[in-house]
Amino acid sequence: MTLKARIAAHGGQFFCHQIHAQENQKTVTFAHELLPPQEAVLPDVPGLKDFYDQFGGLRLYTHQEDEDEAAFRVAHPSEWATLEACYRGWVDDEEDDDFLPSSEGGYLVVGEVPATGNYLLVQQEGDGAGSVVAFDHDGFEFVELGVSLLDFVERALAPDTEALTAMASHMRFRTEGSDAQWWMVEMRDNAGRVVRTEV
């Protein structure tokens, strides 16, 4: 089965409890949103063409109650400049840039963790060119998520406890008209995978 088919077929449920009221529980159904490939001019960075030949963009772990929320969004290249400007708003004001990851060729901002101010970056040149890192503005951390965009997606489809906990830290599954927020305790997917977050 191709990666595209596996993404389209993959789904499941998050089992959650309410933050500050753990006796309240909620089940959230998740799926993924695939955008069809679209014409794009891509820089010569390893892995980009392999990804964008198959996808115009991806939203991973979306849910029915709030379709704007997702664990990750990989954007079409036409959106990269907007994402870059938002990312630069976080890092350009820093007087000490020692926290920035070192690379010979800089990074492309290709996606985001929606509604968080955190971004997905792809290294352009040098050792590790094509690798994906997440920029987390809370503490200015850079975490490697894959050696390529396709590897990042493969890993995201099969999260371990650490990866699921990182996803849970940004997803709150709010319901319109309610201030309640929910913590993901467990994921069960339709491939038989059961993963719990760190509590």
N, C-alpha and C. Protein backbone atom coordinates (compact mmCIF):
# COMPACT_ATOMS: atom_id res chain seq x y z
N MET A 1 0.84 -1.19 0.00
CA MET A 1 0.00 0.00 0.00
C MET A 1 0.88 1.24 0.00
N THR A 2 0.58 2.21 -0.83
CA THR A 2 1.38 3.43 -0.91
C THR A 2 1.21 4.27 0.36
N LEU A 3 2.14 5.19 0.58
CA LEU A 3 2.03 6.09 1.73
C LEU A 3 0.74 6.89 1.65
N LYS A 4 0.42 7.40 0.46
CA LYS A 4 -0.80 8.18 0.31
C LYS A 4 -2.03 7.36 0.70
N ALA A 5 -2.09 6.10 0.27
CA ALA A 5 -3.22 5.24 0.62
C ALA A 5 -3.25 4.96 2.12
N ARG A 6 -2.09 4.77 2.70
CA ARG A 6 -2.06 4.49 4.15
C ARG A 6 -2.51 5.70 4.96
N ILE A 7 -2.11 6.89 4.52
CA ILE A 7 -2.56 8.10 5.22
C ILE A 7 -4.07 8.24 5.11
N ALA A 8 -4.59 8.05 3.90
CA ALA A 8 -6.03 8.19 3.69
C ALA A 8 -6.82 7.17 4.49
N ALA A 9 -6.25 5.98 4.68
CA ALA A 9 -6.97 4.92 5.40
C ALA A 9 -6.80 5.01 6.91
N HIS A 10 -5.81 5.76 7.36
CA HIS A 10 -5.48 5.77 8.79
C HIS A 10 -6.42 6.67 9.57
N GLY A 11 -6.89 6.20 10.68
CA GLY A 11 -7.74 6.98 11.57
C GLY A 11 -7.79 6.31 12.92
N GLY A 12 -8.58 6.89 13.80
CA GLY A 12 -8.69 6.30 15.13
C GLY A 12 -9.30 7.28 16.11
N GLN A 13 -8.97 7.05 17.38
CA GLN A 13 -9.56 7.86 18.45
C GLN A 13 -8.51 8.25 19.48
N PHE A 14 -8.69 9.45 20.02
CA PHE A 14 -7.94 9.91 21.18
C PHE A 14 -8.87 9.84 22.38
N PHE A 15 -8.41 9.23 23.45
CA PHE A 15 -9.17 9.19 24.69
C PHE A 15 -8.56 10.23 25.62
N CYS A 16 -9.39 11.14 26.12
CA CYS A 16 -8.92 12.32 26.83
C CYS A 16 -9.63 12.48 28.17
N HIS A 17 -8.98 13.22 29.08
CA HIS A 17 -9.69 13.71 30.26
C HIS A 17 -9.57 15.22 30.31
N GLN A 18 -10.53 15.83 31.00
CA GLN A 18 -10.56 17.29 31.07
C GLN A 18 -9.47 17.78 32.00
N ILE A 19 -8.75 18.80 31.57
CA ILE A 19 -7.71 19.39 32.41
C ILE A 19 -8.38 20.06 33.60
N HIS A 20 -7.89 19.77 34.79
CA HIS A 20 -8.41 20.27 36.07
C HIS A 20 -9.74 19.61 36.46
N ALA A 21 -10.18 18.63 35.71
CA ALA A 21 -11.40 17.89 36.07
C ALA A 21 -11.31 16.51 35.43
N GLN A 22 -10.34 15.72 35.90
CA GLN A 22 -10.00 14.48 35.23
C GLN A 22 -11.13 13.45 35.24
N GLU A 23 -12.10 13.65 36.10
CA GLU A 23 -13.23 12.71 36.11
C GLU A 23 -14.08 12.83 34.84
N ASN A 24 -13.97 13.98 34.16
CA ASN A 24 -14.69 14.16 32.90
C ASN A 24 -13.84 13.60 31.76
N GLN A 25 -14.45 12.79 30.93
CA GLN A 25 -13.72 12.14 29.85
C GLN A 25 -14.36 12.44 28.51
N LYS A 26 -13.56 12.32 27.47
CA LYS A 26 -14.02 12.65 26.14
C LYS A 26 -13.25 11.80 25.13
N THR A 27 -13.94 11.37 24.08
CA THR A 27 -13.31 10.63 23.00
C THR A 27 -13.37 11.48 21.74
N VAL A 28 -12.22 11.62 21.08
CA VAL A 28 -12.10 12.45 19.89
C VAL A 28 -11.68 11.55 18.73
N THR A 29 -12.42 11.62 17.64
CA THR A 29 -12.06 10.85 16.44
C THR A 29 -11.11 11.67 15.58
N PHE A 30 -10.05 11.02 15.08
CA PHE A 30 -9.10 11.74 14.23
C PHE A 30 -8.98 11.08 12.86
N ALA A 31 -8.55 11.89 11.91
CA ALA A 31 -8.24 11.44 10.55
C ALA A 31 -7.16 12.38 10.02
N HIS A 32 -6.84 12.27 8.75
CA HIS A 32 -5.84 13.13 8.12
C HIS A 32 -6.42 13.74 6.86
N GLU A 33 -5.96 14.94 6.55
CA GLU A 33 -6.43 15.63 5.35
C GLU A 33 -5.30 15.71 4.34
N LEU A 34 -5.51 15.15 3.16
CA LEU A 34 -4.51 15.17 2.09
C LEU A 34 -4.96 16.12 1.01
N LEU A 35 -4.07 16.99 0.58
CA LEU A 35 -4.35 17.86 -0.55
C LEU A 35 -3.68 17.29 -1.78
N PRO A 36 -4.34 17.34 -2.94
CA PRO A 36 -3.74 16.76 -4.15
C PRO A 36 -2.53 17.57 -4.58
N PRO A 37 -1.60 16.92 -5.30
CA PRO A 37 -0.41 17.64 -5.78
C PRO A 37 -0.81 18.82 -6.66
N GLN A 38 -0.05 19.90 -6.52
CA GLN A 38 -0.27 21.09 -7.34
C GLN A 38 1.08 21.53 -7.89
N GLU A 39 1.03 22.24 -8.98
CA GLU A 39 2.28 22.71 -9.60
C GLU A 39 3.00 23.62 -8.63
N ALA A 40 4.31 23.43 -8.52
CA ALA A 40 5.10 24.27 -7.62
C ALA A 40 6.55 24.27 -8.09
N VAL A 41 7.21 25.40 -7.91
CA VAL A 41 8.64 25.50 -8.17
C VAL A 41 9.36 25.23 -6.85
N LEU A 42 10.19 24.20 -6.85
CA LEU A 42 10.83 23.76 -5.61
C LEU A 42 12.33 23.98 -5.68
N PRO A 43 12.93 24.39 -4.57
CA PRO A 43 14.40 24.43 -4.53
C PRO A 43 14.95 23.01 -4.56
N ASP A 44 16.20 22.88 -4.93
CA ASP A 44 16.84 21.58 -5.05
C ASP A 44 17.32 21.12 -3.67
N VAL A 45 16.37 20.67 -2.87
CA VAL A 45 16.64 20.19 -1.51
C VAL A 45 16.18 18.74 -1.45
N PRO A 46 17.02 17.83 -0.93
CA PRO A 46 16.65 16.43 -0.91
C PRO A 46 15.28 16.19 -0.25
N GLY A 47 14.48 15.38 -0.91
CA GLY A 47 13.20 14.96 -0.35
C GLY A 47 12.01 15.83 -0.70
N LEU A 48 12.23 17.09 -1.09
CA LEU A 48 11.09 17.97 -1.36
C LEU A 48 10.27 17.49 -2.55
N LYS A 49 10.96 17.17 -3.65
CA LYS A 49 10.23 16.72 -4.84
C LYS A 49 9.49 15.41 -4.56
N ASP A 50 10.12 14.50 -3.83
CA ASP A 50 9.47 13.23 -3.50
C ASP A 50 8.16 13.45 -2.75
N PHE A 51 8.16 14.44 -1.86
CA PHE A 51 6.94 14.74 -1.10
C PHE A 51 5.90 15.43 -1.96
N TYR A 52 6.31 16.52 -2.63
CA TYR A 52 5.33 17.35 -3.34
C TYR A 52 4.88 16.74 -4.67
N ASP A 53 5.54 15.68 -5.13
CA ASP A 53 4.99 14.92 -6.25
C ASP A 53 3.74 14.14 -5.83
N GLN A 54 3.62 13.88 -4.53
CA GLN A 54 2.50 13.10 -4.02
C GLN A 54 1.42 13.94 -3.33
N PHE A 55 1.84 15.06 -2.74
CA PHE A 55 0.92 15.85 -1.91
C PHE A 55 1.05 17.34 -2.22
N GLY A 56 -0.09 18.02 -2.20
CA GLY A 56 -0.06 19.47 -2.26
C GLY A 56 0.09 20.06 -0.87
N GLY A 57 -0.14 19.24 0.13
CA GLY A 57 -0.05 19.61 1.54
C GLY A 57 -0.72 18.52 2.36
N LEU A 58 -0.49 18.57 3.66
CA LEU A 58 -1.07 17.57 4.57
C LEU A 58 -1.47 18.23 5.87
N ARG A 59 -2.56 17.75 6.44
CA ARG A 59 -2.91 18.07 7.83
C ARG A 59 -3.03 16.74 8.54
N LEU A 60 -2.19 16.52 9.55
CA LEU A 60 -2.15 15.25 10.24
C LEU A 60 -2.86 15.35 11.59
N TYR A 61 -3.69 14.36 11.86
CA TYR A 61 -4.45 14.26 13.12
C TYR A 61 -5.43 15.42 13.30
N THR A 62 -6.28 15.59 12.32
CA THR A 62 -7.38 16.54 12.45
C THR A 62 -8.55 15.84 13.14
N HIS A 63 -9.49 16.63 13.66
CA HIS A 63 -10.65 16.01 14.30
C HIS A 63 -11.92 16.76 13.96
N GLN A 64 -13.04 16.07 14.10
CA GLN A 64 -14.31 16.55 13.56
C GLN A 64 -14.83 17.81 14.23
N GLU A 65 -14.65 17.95 15.53
CA GLU A 65 -15.24 19.08 16.25
C GLU A 65 -14.56 20.40 15.93
N ASP A 66 -13.28 20.36 15.60
CA ASP A 66 -12.53 21.58 15.31
C ASP A 66 -11.54 21.26 14.20
N GLU A 67 -11.97 21.44 12.97
CA GLU A 67 -11.14 21.05 11.83
C GLU A 67 -9.93 21.95 11.66
N ASP A 68 -9.91 23.11 12.36
CA ASP A 68 -8.75 23.99 12.27
C ASP A 68 -7.59 23.47 13.11
N GLU A 69 -7.88 22.57 14.05
CA GLU A 69 -6.82 22.04 14.90
C GLU A 69 -6.27 20.76 14.28
N ALA A 70 -4.96 20.62 14.37
CA ALA A 70 -4.30 19.42 13.87
C ALA A 70 -2.96 19.32 14.58
N ALA A 71 -2.36 18.14 14.54
CA ALA A 71 -1.03 17.98 15.15
C ALA A 71 0.04 18.66 14.31
N PHE A 72 -0.07 18.53 12.98
CA PHE A 72 0.90 19.13 12.06
C PHE A 72 0.21 19.54 10.77
N ARG A 73 0.75 20.59 10.15
CA ARG A 73 0.31 20.97 8.80
C ARG A 73 1.54 21.23 7.95
N VAL A 74 1.68 20.47 6.88
CA VAL A 74 2.72 20.73 5.88
C VAL A 74 2.05 21.51 4.76
N ALA A 75 2.58 22.69 4.47
CA ALA A 75 1.91 23.62 3.56
C ALA A 75 2.42 23.47 2.13
N HIS A 76 1.60 23.96 1.20
CA HIS A 76 2.03 24.06 -0.19
C HIS A 76 3.10 25.15 -0.27
N PRO A 77 4.09 25.00 -1.18
CA PRO A 77 5.15 26.01 -1.28
C PRO A 77 4.67 27.45 -1.46
N SER A 78 3.48 27.65 -2.00
CA SER A 78 2.96 29.01 -2.15
C SER A 78 2.71 29.68 -0.80
N GLU A 79 2.67 28.90 0.28
CA GLU A 79 2.43 29.44 1.62
C GLU A 79 3.71 29.61 2.42
N TRP A 80 4.83 29.15 1.89
CA TRP A 80 6.06 29.17 2.68
C TRP A 80 6.47 30.57 3.10
N ALA A 81 6.31 31.56 2.23
CA ALA A 81 6.75 32.93 2.57
C ALA A 81 5.98 33.47 3.77
N THR A 82 4.69 33.19 3.83
CA THR A 82 3.88 33.64 4.96
C THR A 82 4.33 32.96 6.25
N LEU A 83 4.58 31.65 6.17
CA LEU A 83 5.06 30.91 7.35
C LEU A 83 6.43 31.41 7.78
N GLU A 84 7.29 31.70 6.80
CA GLU A 84 8.63 32.22 7.10
C GLU A 84 8.54 33.54 7.86
N ALA A 85 7.64 34.43 7.44
CA ALA A 85 7.49 35.72 8.11
C ALA A 85 7.04 35.53 9.56
N CYS A 86 6.13 34.59 9.78
CA CYS A 86 5.66 34.33 11.15
C CYS A 86 6.78 33.74 12.00
N TYR A 87 7.51 32.80 11.45
CA TYR A 87 8.65 32.20 12.16
C TYR A 87 9.69 33.26 12.50
N ARG A 88 10.00 34.13 11.54
CA ARG A 88 10.99 35.18 11.76
C ARG A 88 10.56 36.13 12.87
N GLY A 89 9.26 36.29 13.04
CA GLY A 89 8.77 37.12 14.13
C GLY A 89 9.21 36.61 15.49
N TRP A 90 9.44 35.32 15.60
CA TRP A 90 9.91 34.73 16.86
C TRP A 90 11.43 34.85 17.00
N VAL A 91 12.17 34.56 15.94
CA VAL A 91 13.62 34.40 16.10
C VAL A 91 14.43 35.65 15.78
N ASP A 92 13.93 36.55 14.95
CA ASP A 92 14.74 37.69 14.55
C ASP A 92 14.94 38.71 15.66
N ASP A 93 14.07 38.73 16.65
CA ASP A 93 14.20 39.70 17.74
C ASP A 93 15.15 39.23 18.83
N GLU A 94 15.63 38.00 18.72
CA GLU A 94 16.52 37.48 19.75
C GLU A 94 17.92 38.07 19.58
N GLU A 95 18.45 38.64 20.66
CA GLU A 95 19.79 39.20 20.60
C GLU A 95 20.84 38.10 20.55
N ASP A 96 20.57 36.99 21.22
CA ASP A 96 21.51 35.87 21.25
C ASP A 96 20.97 34.76 20.37
N ASP A 97 21.64 34.53 19.24
CA ASP A 97 21.14 33.51 18.32
C ASP A 97 21.85 32.16 18.51
N ASP A 98 22.51 31.98 19.67
CA ASP A 98 23.19 30.71 19.93
C ASP A 98 22.22 29.54 20.00
N PHE A 99 20.94 29.82 20.26
CA PHE A 99 19.95 28.75 20.36
C PHE A 99 19.59 28.19 18.99
N LEU A 100 19.88 28.92 17.92
CA LEU A 100 19.51 28.46 16.58
C LEU A 100 20.34 27.25 16.19
N PRO A 101 19.72 26.28 15.52
CA PRO A 101 20.49 25.11 15.09
C PRO A 101 21.50 25.50 14.02
N SER A 102 22.68 24.89 14.08
CA SER A 102 23.68 25.24 13.07
C SER A 102 23.44 24.43 11.80
N SER A 103 23.56 25.08 10.69
CA SER A 103 23.51 24.41 9.39
C SER A 103 24.17 25.33 8.38
N GLU A 104 24.69 24.74 7.32
CA GLU A 104 25.41 25.53 6.35
C GLU A 104 24.47 26.32 5.45
N GLY A 105 23.25 25.86 5.28
CA GLY A 105 22.39 26.47 4.28
C GLY A 105 21.09 27.03 4.77
N GLY A 106 20.88 27.09 6.06
CA GLY A 106 19.64 27.64 6.57
C GLY A 106 18.47 26.67 6.43
N TYR A 107 17.28 27.19 6.67
CA TYR A 107 16.09 26.36 6.73
C TYR A 107 14.95 26.97 5.91
N LEU A 108 14.15 26.10 5.33
CA LEU A 108 12.87 26.48 4.73
C LEU A 108 11.78 26.23 5.76
N VAL A 109 10.84 27.16 5.88
CA VAL A 109 9.71 26.97 6.78
C VAL A 109 8.57 26.40 5.95
N VAL A 110 8.32 25.11 6.10
CA VAL A 110 7.40 24.40 5.21
C VAL A 110 6.06 24.04 5.87
N GLY A 111 5.95 24.29 7.16
CA GLY A 111 4.70 23.91 7.83
C GLY A 111 4.65 24.46 9.23
N GLU A 112 3.67 23.97 9.98
CA GLU A 112 3.44 24.49 11.33
C GLU A 112 2.72 23.46 12.18
N VAL A 113 2.74 23.73 13.47
CA VAL A 113 1.82 23.09 14.40
C VAL A 113 0.71 24.11 14.58
N PRO A 114 -0.46 23.89 13.97
CA PRO A 114 -1.47 24.95 13.87
C PRO A 114 -1.81 25.61 15.20
N ALA A 115 -1.94 26.94 15.13
CA ALA A 115 -2.41 27.76 16.25
C ALA A 115 -1.49 27.72 17.46
N THR A 116 -0.17 27.47 17.24
CA THR A 116 0.75 27.40 18.37
C THR A 116 1.93 28.36 18.27
N GLY A 117 2.26 28.85 17.08
CA GLY A 117 3.49 29.60 16.91
C GLY A 117 4.71 28.71 16.78
N ASN A 118 4.49 27.42 16.52
CA ASN A 118 5.58 26.46 16.30
C ASN A 118 5.58 26.05 14.83
N TYR A 119 6.77 25.79 14.29
CA TYR A 119 6.90 25.62 12.84
C TYR A 119 7.72 24.39 12.48
N LEU A 120 7.47 23.88 11.26
CA LEU A 120 8.23 22.78 10.69
C LEU A 120 9.24 23.35 9.70
N LEU A 121 10.50 23.01 9.89
CA LEU A 121 11.58 23.53 9.08
C LEU A 121 12.28 22.38 8.35
N VAL A 122 12.77 22.66 7.15
CA VAL A 122 13.56 21.70 6.39
C VAL A 122 14.93 22.31 6.13
N GLN A 123 15.98 21.57 6.52
CA GLN A 123 17.34 22.06 6.29
C GLN A 123 17.64 22.04 4.80
N GLN A 124 18.22 23.15 4.31
CA GLN A 124 18.42 23.29 2.87
C GLN A 124 19.71 22.68 2.35
N GLU A 125 20.82 22.78 3.09
CA GLU A 125 22.12 22.34 2.58
C GLU A 125 22.94 21.73 3.70
N GLY A 126 24.09 21.20 3.32
CA GLY A 126 25.02 20.67 4.31
C GLY A 126 24.64 19.29 4.78
N ASP A 127 25.36 18.80 5.79
CA ASP A 127 25.03 17.51 6.38
C ASP A 127 23.61 17.55 6.92
N GLY A 128 22.82 16.57 6.56
CA GLY A 128 21.43 16.55 7.02
C GLY A 128 20.47 17.34 6.15
N ALA A 129 20.92 17.76 4.97
CA ALA A 129 20.01 18.50 4.08
C ALA A 129 18.76 17.67 3.81
N GLY A 130 17.61 18.32 3.89
CA GLY A 130 16.32 17.66 3.71
C GLY A 130 15.68 17.21 5.00
N SER A 131 16.41 17.23 6.11
CA SER A 131 15.85 16.78 7.38
C SER A 131 14.82 17.79 7.91
N VAL A 132 13.88 17.29 8.68
CA VAL A 132 12.78 18.09 9.22
C VAL A 132 12.99 18.29 10.71
N VAL A 133 12.91 19.55 11.15
CA VAL A 133 12.96 19.85 12.57
C VAL A 133 11.75 20.70 12.94
N ALA A 134 11.31 20.55 14.16
CA ALA A 134 10.23 21.38 14.68
C ALA A 134 10.83 22.49 15.53
N PHE A 135 10.41 23.72 15.28
CA PHE A 135 10.78 24.85 16.13
C PHE A 135 9.66 25.05 17.13
N ASP A 136 9.99 24.95 18.42
CA ASP A 136 9.03 25.17 19.50
C ASP A 136 9.42 26.47 20.19
N HIS A 137 8.57 27.50 20.06
CA HIS A 137 8.95 28.81 20.59
C HIS A 137 8.99 28.84 22.11
N ASP A 138 8.36 27.87 22.77
CA ASP A 138 8.38 27.81 24.23
C ASP A 138 9.71 27.19 24.65
N GLY A 139 10.69 28.03 24.87
CA GLY A 139 12.03 27.54 25.20
C GLY A 139 12.95 27.53 24.00
N PHE A 140 12.43 27.92 22.83
CA PHE A 140 13.22 27.98 21.60
C PHE A 140 13.99 26.67 21.37
N GLU A 141 13.23 25.60 21.31
CA GLU A 141 13.81 24.28 21.07
C GLU A 141 13.65 23.90 19.60
N PHE A 142 14.63 23.16 19.08
CA PHE A 142 14.59 22.61 17.74
C PHE A 142 14.72 21.09 17.87
N VAL A 143 13.68 20.37 17.45
CA VAL A 143 13.63 18.92 17.64
C VAL A 143 13.56 18.25 16.28
N GLU A 144 14.50 17.33 16.01
CA GLU A 144 14.47 16.63 14.72
C GLU A 144 13.31 15.65 14.69
N LEU A 145 12.55 15.70 13.58
CA LEU A 145 11.37 14.84 13.42
C LEU A 145 11.50 13.85 12.27
N GLY A 146 12.53 13.97 11.45
CA GLY A 146 12.69 13.04 10.34
C GLY A 146 13.85 13.44 9.46
N VAL A 147 14.37 12.48 8.70
CA VAL A 147 15.49 12.77 7.81
C VAL A 147 15.01 13.36 6.49
N SER A 148 13.70 13.33 6.26
CA SER A 148 13.08 13.92 5.07
C SER A 148 11.62 14.17 5.40
N LEU A 149 10.91 14.88 4.52
CA LEU A 149 9.48 15.10 4.75
C LEU A 149 8.71 13.79 4.76
N LEU A 150 9.03 12.88 3.85
CA LEU A 150 8.32 11.60 3.83
C LEU A 150 8.62 10.78 5.07
N ASP A 151 9.86 10.82 5.55
CA ASP A 151 10.22 10.13 6.78
C ASP A 151 9.48 10.73 7.97
N PHE A 152 9.38 12.07 8.00
CA PHE A 152 8.60 12.74 9.05
C PHE A 152 7.16 12.24 9.08
N VAL A 153 6.53 12.13 7.91
CA VAL A 153 5.14 11.66 7.84
C VAL A 153 5.04 10.21 8.32
N GLU A 154 5.96 9.37 7.88
CA GLU A 154 5.96 7.96 8.31
C GLU A 154 6.03 7.88 9.84
N ARG A 155 6.92 8.65 10.43
CA ARG A 155 7.06 8.64 11.89
C ARG A 155 5.79 9.16 12.58
N ALA A 156 5.21 10.20 12.00
CA ALA A 156 4.01 10.79 12.60
C ALA A 156 2.85 9.81 12.61
N LEU A 157 2.80 8.92 11.63
CA LEU A 157 1.71 7.94 11.58
C LEU A 157 1.84 6.86 12.64
N ALA A 158 3.03 6.72 13.21
CA ALA A 158 3.26 5.67 14.21
C ALA A 158 3.98 6.26 15.42
N PRO A 159 3.34 7.19 16.14
CA PRO A 159 4.03 7.87 17.24
C PRO A 159 4.29 6.93 18.41
N ASP A 160 5.43 7.14 19.08
CA ASP A 160 5.67 6.46 20.35
C ASP A 160 5.17 7.36 21.48
N THR A 161 5.41 6.95 22.71
CA THR A 161 4.90 7.72 23.86
C THR A 161 5.42 9.15 23.86
N GLU A 162 6.71 9.32 23.58
CA GLU A 162 7.29 10.66 23.58
C GLU A 162 6.67 11.54 22.51
N ALA A 163 6.53 11.00 21.30
CA ALA A 163 5.96 11.78 20.20
C ALA A 163 4.50 12.11 20.45
N LEU A 164 3.74 11.15 20.98
CA LEU A 164 2.33 11.41 21.26
C LEU A 164 2.18 12.44 22.37
N THR A 165 3.04 12.39 23.37
CA THR A 165 2.98 13.39 24.45
C THR A 165 3.28 14.78 23.90
N ALA A 166 4.23 14.88 22.97
CA ALA A 166 4.53 16.18 22.35
C ALA A 166 3.32 16.69 21.57
N MET A 167 2.63 15.81 20.86
CA MET A 167 1.41 16.20 20.15
C MET A 167 0.35 16.66 21.14
N ALA A 168 0.19 15.90 22.21
CA ALA A 168 -0.85 16.20 23.20
C ALA A 168 -0.63 17.56 23.87
N SER A 169 0.63 17.97 23.97
CA SER A 169 0.92 19.23 24.65
C SER A 169 0.39 20.43 23.89
N HIS A 170 0.01 20.25 22.62
CA HIS A 170 -0.47 21.37 21.80
C HIS A 170 -1.94 21.23 21.39
N MET A 171 -2.56 20.09 21.64
CA MET A 171 -3.93 19.86 21.17
C MET A 171 -4.87 19.85 22.36
N ARG A 172 -5.91 20.68 22.29
CA ARG A 172 -6.80 20.84 23.45
C ARG A 172 -8.25 20.47 23.17
N PHE A 173 -8.61 20.22 21.93
CA PHE A 173 -9.92 19.68 21.56
C PHE A 173 -11.07 20.49 22.16
N ARG A 174 -10.98 21.79 22.02
CA ARG A 174 -12.03 22.65 22.55
C ARG A 174 -13.33 22.48 21.77
N THR A 175 -14.43 22.68 22.46
CA THR A 175 -15.75 22.67 21.84
C THR A 175 -16.27 24.09 21.81
N GLU A 176 -16.88 24.49 20.71
CA GLU A 176 -17.40 25.86 20.59
C GLU A 176 -18.36 26.15 21.74
N GLY A 177 -18.19 27.31 22.36
CA GLY A 177 -19.05 27.70 23.47
C GLY A 177 -18.60 27.18 24.82
N SER A 178 -17.46 26.48 24.86
CA SER A 178 -16.98 25.93 26.13
C SER A 178 -15.51 26.33 26.32
N ASP A 179 -15.15 26.58 27.58
CA ASP A 179 -13.76 26.87 27.91
C ASP A 179 -12.98 25.61 28.27
N ALA A 180 -13.63 24.46 28.30
CA ALA A 180 -12.99 23.21 28.71
C ALA A 180 -11.85 22.85 27.76
N GLN A 181 -10.76 22.37 28.35
CA GLN A 181 -9.64 21.87 27.57
C GLN A 181 -9.37 20.42 27.99
N TRP A 182 -8.85 19.66 27.04
CA TRP A 182 -8.74 18.22 27.24
C TRP A 182 -7.31 17.75 27.01
N TRP A 183 -6.86 16.81 27.85
CA TRP A 183 -5.53 16.22 27.72
C TRP A 183 -5.66 14.82 27.13
N MET A 184 -4.91 14.56 26.09
CA MET A 184 -4.92 13.26 25.45
C MET A 184 -4.21 12.23 26.35
N VAL A 185 -4.90 11.19 26.69
CA VAL A 185 -4.34 10.14 27.53
C VAL A 185 -3.87 8.96 26.70
N GLU A 186 -4.65 8.64 25.65
CA GLU A 186 -4.34 7.44 24.87
C GLU A 186 -4.81 7.61 23.44
N MET A 187 -4.05 7.04 22.51
CA MET A 187 -4.45 6.97 21.11
C MET A 187 -4.66 5.51 20.74
N ARG A 188 -5.76 5.24 20.06
CA ARG A 188 -6.00 3.92 19.48
C ARG A 188 -6.32 4.13 18.01
N ASP A 189 -5.54 3.49 17.14
CA ASP A 189 -5.80 3.69 15.72
C ASP A 189 -6.35 2.42 15.07
N ASN A 190 -6.77 2.55 13.84
CA ASN A 190 -7.41 1.45 13.15
C ASN A 190 -6.40 0.44 12.60
N ALA A 191 -5.12 0.63 12.92
CA ALA A 191 -4.10 -0.37 12.60
C ALA A 191 -3.81 -1.25 13.81
N GLY A 192 -4.54 -1.02 14.90
CA GLY A 192 -4.35 -1.81 16.11
C GLY A 192 -3.32 -1.23 17.07
N ARG A 193 -2.81 -0.05 16.76
CA ARG A 193 -1.80 0.58 17.62
C ARG A 193 -2.47 1.24 18.82
N VAL A 194 -1.92 1.02 20.02
CA VAL A 194 -2.40 1.67 21.24
C VAL A 194 -1.17 2.34 21.88
N VAL A 195 -1.23 3.66 22.05
CA VAL A 195 -0.13 4.41 22.64
C VAL A 195 -0.69 5.33 23.69
N ARG A 196 -0.03 5.39 24.84
CA ARG A 196 -0.43 6.29 25.92
C ARG A 196 0.56 7.43 26.05
N THR A 197 0.07 8.57 26.47
CA THR A 197 0.95 9.71 26.74
C THR A 197 1.54 9.56 28.12
N GLU A 198 2.62 10.32 28.36
CA GLU A 198 3.19 10.37 29.70
C GLU A 198 2.26 11.19 30.58
N VAL A 199 1.93 10.66 31.72
CA VAL A 199 1.01 11.38 32.63
C VAL A 199 1.77 11.92 33.81
